[in-house]
Structure formats: structure tokens, C-alpha cells
Amino acid sequence: MEGVAEGAGLTFLDVLYLNTRYDLGSLPDGCTSFA
């Protein structure tokens, strides 16, 4: 993630937000999975 931030020109916390946004608020979906 530090590398992503460097490559995109953002702070590390900006990229950490992108990787935790589902856990910070509800993002409804209706997926169907199988194995």
C-alpha cells in the first residue's frame, strides 16, 4: 500500500482508506457465490 501511495502521489492513509472503505460504511450488494 505504501508503494501504491507513492506511485499514485497520495498519502498512505488515502490508500489505507481505499482498502478499508467497506469496513467503514455499508455498501450493499446482492452477490451469489458457489464452489
PDB file of all heavy atoms in Angstrom:
ATOM      1  N   MET A   1       0.825  -1.213   0.000  1.00  0.00           N
ATOM      2  CA  MET A   1       0.000   0.000   0.000  1.00  0.00           C
ATOM      3  C   MET A   1       0.854   1.256   0.000  1.00  0.00           C
ATOM      4  O   MET A   1       0.487   2.263  -0.623  1.00  0.00           O
ATOM      5  CB  MET A   1      -0.957  -0.022   1.195  1.00  0.00           C
ATOM      6  CG  MET A   1      -2.099  -1.022   1.037  1.00  0.00           C
ATOM      7  SD  MET A   1      -3.355  -0.902   2.351  1.00  0.00           S
ATOM      8  CE  MET A   1      -2.466  -1.653   3.735  1.00  0.00           C
ATOM      9  N   GLU A   2       1.984   1.228   0.687  1.00  0.00           N
ATOM     10  CA  GLU A   2       2.898   2.373   0.635  1.00  0.00           C
ATOM     11  C   GLU A   2       3.374   2.600  -0.795  1.00  0.00           C
ATOM     12  O   GLU A   2       3.482   3.744  -1.253  1.00  0.00           O
ATOM     13  CB  GLU A   2       4.087   2.133   1.558  1.00  0.00           C
ATOM     14  CG  GLU A   2       3.753   2.243   3.041  1.00  0.00           C
ATOM     15  CD  GLU A   2       4.894   1.853   3.953  1.00  0.00           C
ATOM     16  OE1 GLU A   2       5.829   1.158   3.468  1.00  0.00           O
ATOM     17  OE2 GLU A   2       4.864   2.238   5.130  1.00  0.00           O
ATOM     18  N   GLY A   3       3.639   1.503  -1.506  1.00  0.00           N
ATOM     19  CA  GLY A   3       4.035   1.628  -2.902  1.00  0.00           C
ATOM     20  C   GLY A   3       2.932   2.202  -3.769  1.00  0.00           C
ATOM     21  O   GLY A   3       3.184   3.048  -4.645  1.00  0.00           O
ATOM     22  N   VAL A   4       1.680   1.761  -3.539  1.00  0.00           N
ATOM     23  CA  VAL A   4       0.544   2.320  -4.277  1.00  0.00           C
ATOM     24  C   VAL A   4       0.463   3.827  -4.050  1.00  0.00           C
ATOM     25  O   VAL A   4       0.274   4.612  -4.997  1.00  0.00           O
ATOM     26  CB  VAL A   4      -0.781   1.638  -3.861  1.00  0.00           C
ATOM     27  CG1 VAL A   4      -1.970   2.344  -4.518  1.00  0.00           C
ATOM     28  CG2 VAL A   4      -0.785   0.163  -4.252  1.00  0.00           C
ATOM     29  N   ALA A   5       0.627   4.246  -2.801  1.00  0.00           N
ATOM     30  CA  ALA A   5       0.574   5.671  -2.474  1.00  0.00           C
ATOM     31  C   ALA A   5       1.677   6.443  -3.200  1.00  0.00           C
ATOM     32  O   ALA A   5       1.435   7.522  -3.766  1.00  0.00           O
ATOM     33  CB  ALA A   5       0.693   5.865  -0.960  1.00  0.00           C
ATOM     34  N   GLU A   6       2.885   5.892  -3.210  1.00  0.00           N
ATOM     35  CA  GLU A   6       3.997   6.555  -3.892  1.00  0.00           C
ATOM     36  C   GLU A   6       3.728   6.657  -5.392  1.00  0.00           C
ATOM     37  O   GLU A   6       3.961   7.707  -6.003  1.00  0.00           O
ATOM     38  CB  GLU A   6       5.287   5.785  -3.641  1.00  0.00           C
ATOM     39  CG  GLU A   6       5.769   5.843  -2.200  1.00  0.00           C
ATOM     40  CD  GLU A   6       6.903   4.869  -1.930  1.00  0.00           C
ATOM     41  OE1 GLU A   6       7.369   4.209  -2.886  1.00  0.00           O
ATOM     42  OE2 GLU A   6       7.330   4.771  -0.760  1.00  0.00           O
ATOM     43  N   GLY A   7       3.244   5.557  -5.988  1.00  0.00           N
ATOM     44  CA  GLY A   7       3.002   5.559  -7.423  1.00  0.00           C
ATOM     45  C   GLY A   7       1.884   6.490  -7.839  1.00  0.00           C
ATOM     46  O   GLY A   7       1.919   7.087  -8.927  1.00  0.00           O
ATOM     47  N   ALA A   8       0.871   6.629  -6.994  1.00  0.00           N
ATOM     48  CA  ALA A   8      -0.282   7.467  -7.334  1.00  0.00           C
ATOM     49  C   ALA A   8      -0.129   8.898  -6.850  1.00  0.00           C
ATOM     50  O   ALA A   8      -0.915   9.770  -7.226  1.00  0.00           O
ATOM     51  CB  ALA A   8      -1.548   6.863  -6.726  1.00  0.00           C
ATOM     52  N   GLY A   9       0.880   9.160  -6.000  1.00  0.00           N
ATOM     53  CA  GLY A   9       1.069  10.506  -5.470  1.00  0.00           C
ATOM     54  C   GLY A   9       0.085  10.844  -4.366  1.00  0.00           C
ATOM     55  O   GLY A   9      -0.363  11.989  -4.259  1.00  0.00           O
ATOM     56  N   LEU A  10      -0.228   9.859  -3.521  1.00  0.00           N
ATOM     57  CA  LEU A  10      -1.155  10.049  -2.415  1.00  0.00           C
ATOM     58  C   LEU A  10      -0.447   9.768  -1.093  1.00  0.00           C
ATOM     59  O   LEU A  10       0.694   9.302  -1.068  1.00  0.00           O
ATOM     60  CB  LEU A  10      -2.348   9.097  -2.555  1.00  0.00           C
ATOM     61  CG  LEU A  10      -3.304   9.340  -3.724  1.00  0.00           C
ATOM     62  CD1 LEU A  10      -4.267   8.162  -3.875  1.00  0.00           C
ATOM     63  CD2 LEU A  10      -4.086  10.631  -3.526  1.00  0.00           C
ATOM     64  N   THR A  11      -1.133  10.035   0.012  1.00  0.00           N
ATOM     65  CA  THR A  11      -0.606   9.629   1.303  1.00  0.00           C
ATOM     66  C   THR A  11      -0.950   8.170   1.552  1.00  0.00           C
ATOM     67  O   THR A  11      -1.878   7.613   0.956  1.00  0.00           O
ATOM     68  CB  THR A  11      -1.200  10.471   2.449  1.00  0.00           C
ATOM     69  OG1 THR A  11      -2.586  10.114   2.638  1.00  0.00           O
ATOM     70  CG2 THR A  11      -1.089  11.959   2.152  1.00  0.00           C
ATOM     71  N   PHE A  12      -0.221   7.548   2.482  1.00  0.00           N
ATOM     72  CA  PHE A  12      -0.512   6.167   2.833  1.00  0.00           C
ATOM     73  C   PHE A  12      -1.930   6.020   3.364  1.00  0.00           C
ATOM     74  O   PHE A  12      -2.636   5.052   3.042  1.00  0.00           O
ATOM     75  CB  PHE A  12       0.492   5.664   3.875  1.00  0.00           C
ATOM     76  CG  PHE A  12       0.115   4.336   4.459  1.00  0.00           C
ATOM     77  CD1 PHE A  12       0.290   3.160   3.737  1.00  0.00           C
ATOM     78  CD2 PHE A  12      -0.438   4.253   5.733  1.00  0.00           C
ATOM     79  CE1 PHE A  12      -0.081   1.928   4.268  1.00  0.00           C
ATOM     80  CE2 PHE A  12      -0.803   3.030   6.278  1.00  0.00           C
ATOM     81  CZ  PHE A  12      -0.624   1.865   5.542  1.00  0.00           C
ATOM     82  N   LEU A  13      -2.395   6.971   4.173  1.00  0.00           N
ATOM     83  CA  LEU A  13      -3.737   6.868   4.739  1.00  0.00           C
ATOM     84  C   LEU A  13      -4.822   6.957   3.676  1.00  0.00           C
ATOM     85  O   LEU A  13      -5.892   6.353   3.811  1.00  0.00           O
ATOM     86  CB  LEU A  13      -3.948   7.942   5.812  1.00  0.00           C
ATOM     87  CG  LEU A  13      -3.184   7.730   7.123  1.00  0.00           C
ATOM     88  CD1 LEU A  13      -3.463   8.868   8.087  1.00  0.00           C
ATOM     89  CD2 LEU A  13      -3.533   6.383   7.751  1.00  0.00           C
ATOM     90  N   ASP A  14      -4.565   7.683   2.596  1.00  0.00           N
ATOM     91  CA  ASP A  14      -5.512   7.686   1.466  1.00  0.00           C
ATOM     92  C   ASP A  14      -5.688   6.276   0.924  1.00  0.00           C
ATOM     93  O   ASP A  14      -6.809   5.833   0.646  1.00  0.00           O
ATOM     94  CB  ASP A  14      -5.008   8.595   0.339  1.00  0.00           C
ATOM     95  CG  ASP A  14      -5.152  10.070   0.646  1.00  0.00           C
ATOM     96  OD1 ASP A  14      -6.202  10.466   1.181  1.00  0.00           O
ATOM     97  OD2 ASP A  14      -4.213  10.830   0.338  1.00  0.00           O
ATOM     98  N   VAL A  15      -4.585   5.566   0.755  1.00  0.00           N
ATOM     99  CA  VAL A  15      -4.640   4.215   0.194  1.00  0.00           C
ATOM    100  C   VAL A  15      -5.192   3.242   1.226  1.00  0.00           C
ATOM    101  O   VAL A  15      -5.935   2.314   0.882  1.00  0.00           O
ATOM    102  CB  VAL A  15      -3.252   3.782  -0.315  1.00  0.00           C
ATOM    103  CG1 VAL A  15      -3.275   2.339  -0.804  1.00  0.00           C
ATOM    104  CG2 VAL A  15      -2.793   4.718  -1.440  1.00  0.00           C
ATOM    105  N   LEU A  16      -4.863   3.436   2.503  1.00  0.00           N
ATOM    106  CA  LEU A  16      -5.454   2.592   3.533  1.00  0.00           C
ATOM    107  C   LEU A  16      -6.967   2.758   3.547  1.00  0.00           C
ATOM    108  O   LEU A  16      -7.704   1.782   3.736  1.00  0.00           O
ATOM    109  CB  LEU A  16      -4.868   2.931   4.897  1.00  0.00           C
ATOM    110  CG  LEU A  16      -5.333   2.056   6.067  1.00  0.00           C
ATOM    111  CD1 LEU A  16      -4.955   0.588   5.842  1.00  0.00           C
ATOM    112  CD2 LEU A  16      -4.745   2.557   7.393  1.00  0.00           C
ATOM    113  N   TYR A  17      -7.442   3.983   3.321  1.00  0.00           N
ATOM    114  CA  TYR A  17      -8.901   4.188   3.209  1.00  0.00           C
ATOM    115  C   TYR A  17      -9.490   3.325   2.095  1.00  0.00           C
ATOM    116  O   TYR A  17     -10.521   2.668   2.282  1.00  0.00           O
ATOM    117  CB  TYR A  17      -9.231   5.665   2.939  1.00  0.00           C
ATOM    118  CG  TYR A  17     -10.630   5.823   2.403  1.00  0.00           C
ATOM    119  CD1 TYR A  17     -11.722   5.748   3.248  1.00  0.00           C
ATOM    120  CD2 TYR A  17     -10.860   5.965   1.023  1.00  0.00           C
ATOM    121  CE1 TYR A  17     -13.018   5.829   2.749  1.00  0.00           C
ATOM    122  CE2 TYR A  17     -12.144   6.044   0.528  1.00  0.00           C
ATOM    123  CZ  TYR A  17     -13.220   5.968   1.389  1.00  0.00           C
ATOM    124  OH  TYR A  17     -14.498   6.022   0.887  1.00  0.00           O
ATOM    125  N   LEU A  18      -8.850   3.315   0.924  1.00  0.00           N
ATOM    126  CA  LEU A  18      -9.372   2.532  -0.194  1.00  0.00           C
ATOM    127  C   LEU A  18      -9.476   1.054   0.155  1.00  0.00           C
ATOM    128  O   LEU A  18     -10.363   0.355  -0.342  1.00  0.00           O
ATOM    129  CB  LEU A  18      -8.476   2.721  -1.424  1.00  0.00           C
ATOM    130  CG  LEU A  18      -8.465   4.120  -2.041  1.00  0.00           C
ATOM    131  CD1 LEU A  18      -7.450   4.189  -3.181  1.00  0.00           C
ATOM    132  CD2 LEU A  18      -9.848   4.522  -2.537  1.00  0.00           C
ATOM    133  N   ASN A  19      -8.589   0.591   1.011  1.00  0.00           N
ATOM    134  CA  ASN A  19      -8.564  -0.827   1.371  1.00  0.00           C
ATOM    135  C   ASN A  19      -9.413  -1.162   2.593  1.00  0.00           C
ATOM    136  O   ASN A  19      -9.495  -2.332   2.975  1.00  0.00           O
ATOM    137  CB  ASN A  19      -7.113  -1.269   1.597  1.00  0.00           C
ATOM    138  CG  ASN A  19      -6.375  -1.484   0.302  1.00  0.00           C
ATOM    139  OD1 ASN A  19      -6.406  -2.574  -0.265  1.00  0.00           O
ATOM    140  ND2 ASN A  19      -5.731  -0.441  -0.202  1.00  0.00           N
ATOM    141  N   THR A  20     -10.042  -0.157   3.196  1.00  0.00           N
ATOM    142  CA  THR A  20     -10.883  -0.398   4.372  1.00  0.00           C
ATOM    143  C   THR A  20     -12.265   0.232   4.228  1.00  0.00           C
ATOM    144  O   THR A  20     -13.050   0.221   5.177  1.00  0.00           O
ATOM    145  CB  THR A  20     -10.212   0.151   5.646  1.00  0.00           C
ATOM    146  OG1 THR A  20      -9.968   1.560   5.492  1.00  0.00           O
ATOM    147  CG2 THR A  20      -8.893  -0.549   5.915  1.00  0.00           C
ATOM    148  N   ARG A  21     -12.594   0.753   3.061  1.00  0.00           N
ATOM    149  CA  ARG A  21     -13.841   1.525   2.916  1.00  0.00           C
ATOM    150  C   ARG A  21     -15.082   0.677   3.167  1.00  0.00           C
ATOM    151  O   ARG A  21     -16.094   1.187   3.650  1.00  0.00           O
ATOM    152  CB  ARG A  21     -13.906   2.172   1.532  1.00  0.00           C
ATOM    153  CG  ARG A  21     -13.639   1.255   0.368  1.00  0.00           C
ATOM    154  CD  ARG A  21     -13.590   2.040  -0.938  1.00  0.00           C
ATOM    155  NE  ARG A  21     -12.645   1.453  -1.868  1.00  0.00           N
ATOM    156  CZ  ARG A  21     -12.479   1.892  -3.112  1.00  0.00           C
ATOM    157  NH1 ARG A  21     -13.195   2.894  -3.562  1.00  0.00           N
ATOM    158  NH2 ARG A  21     -11.600   1.319  -3.899  1.00  0.00           N
ATOM    159  N   TYR A  22     -15.043  -0.634   2.841  1.00  0.00           N
ATOM    160  CA  TYR A  22     -16.198  -1.494   3.101  1.00  0.00           C
ATOM    161  C   TYR A  22     -16.444  -1.642   4.591  1.00  0.00           C
ATOM    162  O   TYR A  22     -17.565  -1.907   5.016  1.00  0.00           O
ATOM    163  CB  TYR A  22     -15.984  -2.886   2.498  1.00  0.00           C
ATOM    164  CG  TYR A  22     -15.444  -2.852   1.101  1.00  0.00           C
ATOM    165  CD1 TYR A  22     -14.129  -3.215   0.847  1.00  0.00           C
ATOM    166  CD2 TYR A  22     -16.231  -2.414   0.044  1.00  0.00           C
ATOM    167  CE1 TYR A  22     -13.614  -3.145  -0.430  1.00  0.00           C
ATOM    168  CE2 TYR A  22     -15.721  -2.343  -1.236  1.00  0.00           C
ATOM    169  CZ  TYR A  22     -14.411  -2.714  -1.467  1.00  0.00           C
ATOM    170  OH  TYR A  22     -13.898  -2.629  -2.737  1.00  0.00           O
ATOM    171  N   ASP A  23     -15.408  -1.484   5.375  1.00  0.00           N
ATOM    172  CA  ASP A  23     -15.489  -1.693   6.809  1.00  0.00           C
ATOM    173  C   ASP A  23     -15.804  -0.407   7.561  1.00  0.00           C
ATOM    174  O   ASP A  23     -16.007  -0.411   8.758  1.00  0.00           O
ATOM    175  CB  ASP A  23     -14.169  -2.283   7.305  1.00  0.00           C
ATOM    176  CG  ASP A  23     -13.720  -3.425   6.406  1.00  0.00           C
ATOM    177  OD1 ASP A  23     -14.368  -4.476   6.420  1.00  0.00           O
ATOM    178  OD2 ASP A  23     -12.739  -3.242   5.659  1.00  0.00           O
ATOM    179  N   LEU A  24     -15.858   0.700   6.809  1.00  0.00           N
ATOM    180  CA  LEU A  24     -16.177   1.999   7.390  1.00  0.00           C
ATOM    181  C   LEU A  24     -17.622   2.402   7.160  1.00  0.00           C
ATOM    182  O   LEU A  24     -18.116   3.355   7.752  1.00  0.00           O
ATOM    183  CB  LEU A  24     -15.259   3.072   6.795  1.00  0.00           C
ATOM    184  CG  LEU A  24     -13.786   2.962   7.181  1.00  0.00           C
ATOM    185  CD1 LEU A  24     -12.927   3.792   6.244  1.00  0.00           C
ATOM    186  CD2 LEU A  24     -13.578   3.401   8.618  1.00  0.00           C
ATOM    187  N   GLY A  25     -18.323   1.700   6.292  1.00  0.00           N
ATOM    188  CA  GLY A  25     -19.704   2.026   5.994  1.00  0.00           C
ATOM    189  C   GLY A  25     -20.339   0.952   5.154  1.00  0.00           C
ATOM    190  O   GLY A  25     -19.672   0.096   4.581  1.00  0.00           O
ATOM    191  N   SER A  26     -21.657   0.984   5.059  1.00  0.00           N
ATOM    192  CA  SER A  26     -22.410  -0.048   4.350  1.00  0.00           C
ATOM    193  C   SER A  26     -22.376   0.195   2.844  1.00  0.00           C
ATOM    194  O   SER A  26     -22.680   1.287   2.375  1.00  0.00           O
ATOM    195  CB  SER A  26     -23.862  -0.064   4.832  1.00  0.00           C
ATOM    196  OG  SER A  26     -24.632  -0.986   4.102  1.00  0.00           O
ATOM    197  N   LEU A  27     -21.984  -0.823   2.100  1.00  0.00           N
ATOM    198  CA  LEU A  27     -22.010  -0.787   0.641  1.00  0.00           C
ATOM    199  C   LEU A  27     -22.817  -1.998   0.173  1.00  0.00           C
ATOM    200  O   LEU A  27     -22.271  -3.075  -0.047  1.00  0.00           O
ATOM    201  CB  LEU A  27     -20.587  -0.837   0.064  1.00  0.00           C
ATOM    202  CG  LEU A  27     -19.694   0.358   0.364  1.00  0.00           C
ATOM    203  CD1 LEU A  27     -18.290   0.108  -0.143  1.00  0.00           C
ATOM    204  CD2 LEU A  27     -20.261   1.618  -0.286  1.00  0.00           C
ATOM    205  N   PRO A  28     -24.140  -1.856   0.034  1.00  0.00           N
ATOM    206  CA  PRO A  28     -24.986  -3.021  -0.252  1.00  0.00           C
ATOM    207  C   PRO A  28     -24.618  -3.713  -1.559  1.00  0.00           C
ATOM    208  O   PRO A  28     -24.264  -3.066  -2.550  1.00  0.00           O
ATOM    209  CB  PRO A  28     -26.393  -2.412  -0.340  1.00  0.00           C
ATOM    210  CG  PRO A  28     -26.302  -1.126   0.397  1.00  0.00           C
ATOM    211  CD  PRO A  28     -24.920  -0.625   0.172  1.00  0.00           C
ATOM    212  N   ASP A  29     -24.675  -5.026  -1.540  1.00  0.00           N
ATOM    213  CA  ASP A  29     -24.596  -5.789  -2.779  1.00  0.00           C
ATOM    214  C   ASP A  29     -25.480  -7.019  -2.644  1.00  0.00           C
ATOM    215  O   ASP A  29     -26.040  -7.284  -1.591  1.00  0.00           O
ATOM    216  CB  ASP A  29     -23.155  -6.136  -3.163  1.00  0.00           C
ATOM    217  CG  ASP A  29     -22.478  -7.116  -2.211  1.00  0.00           C
ATOM    218  OD1 ASP A  29     -23.168  -8.001  -1.675  1.00  0.00           O
ATOM    219  OD2 ASP A  29     -21.254  -7.026  -2.038  1.00  0.00           O
ATOM    220  N   GLY A  30     -25.629  -7.750  -3.751  1.00  0.00           N
ATOM    221  CA  GLY A  30     -26.510  -8.919  -3.744  1.00  0.00           C
ATOM    222  C   GLY A  30     -25.875 -10.105  -4.423  1.00  0.00           C
ATOM    223  O   GLY A  30     -26.517 -10.788  -5.219  1.00  0.00           O
ATOM    224  N   CYS A  31     -24.613 -10.346  -4.150  1.00  0.00           N
ATOM    225  CA  CYS A  31     -23.835 -11.356  -4.862  1.00  0.00           C
ATOM    226  C   CYS A  31     -24.307 -12.784  -4.585  1.00  0.00           C
ATOM    227  O   CYS A  31     -24.860 -13.079  -3.534  1.00  0.00           O
ATOM    228  CB  CYS A  31     -22.365 -11.235  -4.481  1.00  0.00           C
ATOM    229  SG  CYS A  31     -21.685  -9.588  -4.713  1.00  0.00           S
ATOM    230  N   THR A  32     -24.032 -13.668  -5.550  1.00  0.00           N
ATOM    231  CA  THR A  32     -24.302 -15.103  -5.409  1.00  0.00           C
ATOM    232  C   THR A  32     -23.016 -15.848  -5.707  1.00  0.00           C
ATOM    233  O   THR A  32     -22.438 -15.690  -6.783  1.00  0.00           O
ATOM    234  CB  THR A  32     -25.399 -15.560  -6.386  1.00  0.00           C
ATOM    235  OG1 THR A  32     -26.458 -14.600  -6.414  1.00  0.00           O
ATOM    236  CG2 THR A  32     -25.945 -16.922  -5.977  1.00  0.00           C
ATOM    237  N   SER A  33     -22.538 -16.668  -4.750  1.00  0.00           N
ATOM    238  CA  SER A  33     -21.270 -17.371  -4.917  1.00  0.00           C
ATOM    239  C   SER A  33     -21.472 -18.877  -4.872  1.00  0.00           C
ATOM    240  O   SER A  33     -22.512 -19.371  -4.429  1.00  0.00           O
ATOM    241  CB  SER A  33     -20.274 -16.939  -3.835  1.00  0.00           C
ATOM    242  OG  SER A  33     -20.754 -17.272  -2.548  1.00  0.00           O
ATOM    243  N   PHE A  34     -20.443 -19.617  -5.323  1.00  0.00           N
ATOM    244  CA  PHE A  34     -20.523 -21.081  -5.350  1.00  0.00           C
ATOM    245  C   PHE A  34     -19.128 -21.681  -5.284  1.00  0.00           C
ATOM    246  O   PHE A  34     -18.118 -21.017  -5.556  1.00  0.00           O
ATOM    247  CB  PHE A  34     -21.210 -21.563  -6.638  1.00  0.00           C
ATOM    248  CG  PHE A  34     -20.338 -21.397  -7.863  1.00  0.00           C
ATOM    249  CD1 PHE A  34     -19.484 -22.421  -8.279  1.00  0.00           C
ATOM    250  CD2 PHE A  34     -20.344 -20.216  -8.591  1.00  0.00           C
ATOM    251  CE1 PHE A  34     -18.665 -22.267  -9.388  1.00  0.00           C
ATOM    252  CE2 PHE A  34     -19.532 -20.055  -9.701  1.00  0.00           C
ATOM    253  CZ  PHE A  34     -18.691 -21.089 -10.103  1.00  0.00           C
ATOM    254  N   ALA A  35     -19.075 -22.954  -4.921  1.00  0.00           N
ATOM    255  CA  ALA A  35     -17.840 -23.737  -5.009  1.00  0.00           C
ATOM    256  C   ALA A  35     -18.208 -25.180  -5.317  1.00  0.00           C
ATOM    257  O   ALA A  35     -19.174 -25.712  -4.763  1.00  0.00           O
ATOM    258  CB  ALA A  35     -17.044 -23.648  -3.720  1.00  0.00           C
TER     259      ALA A  35
END
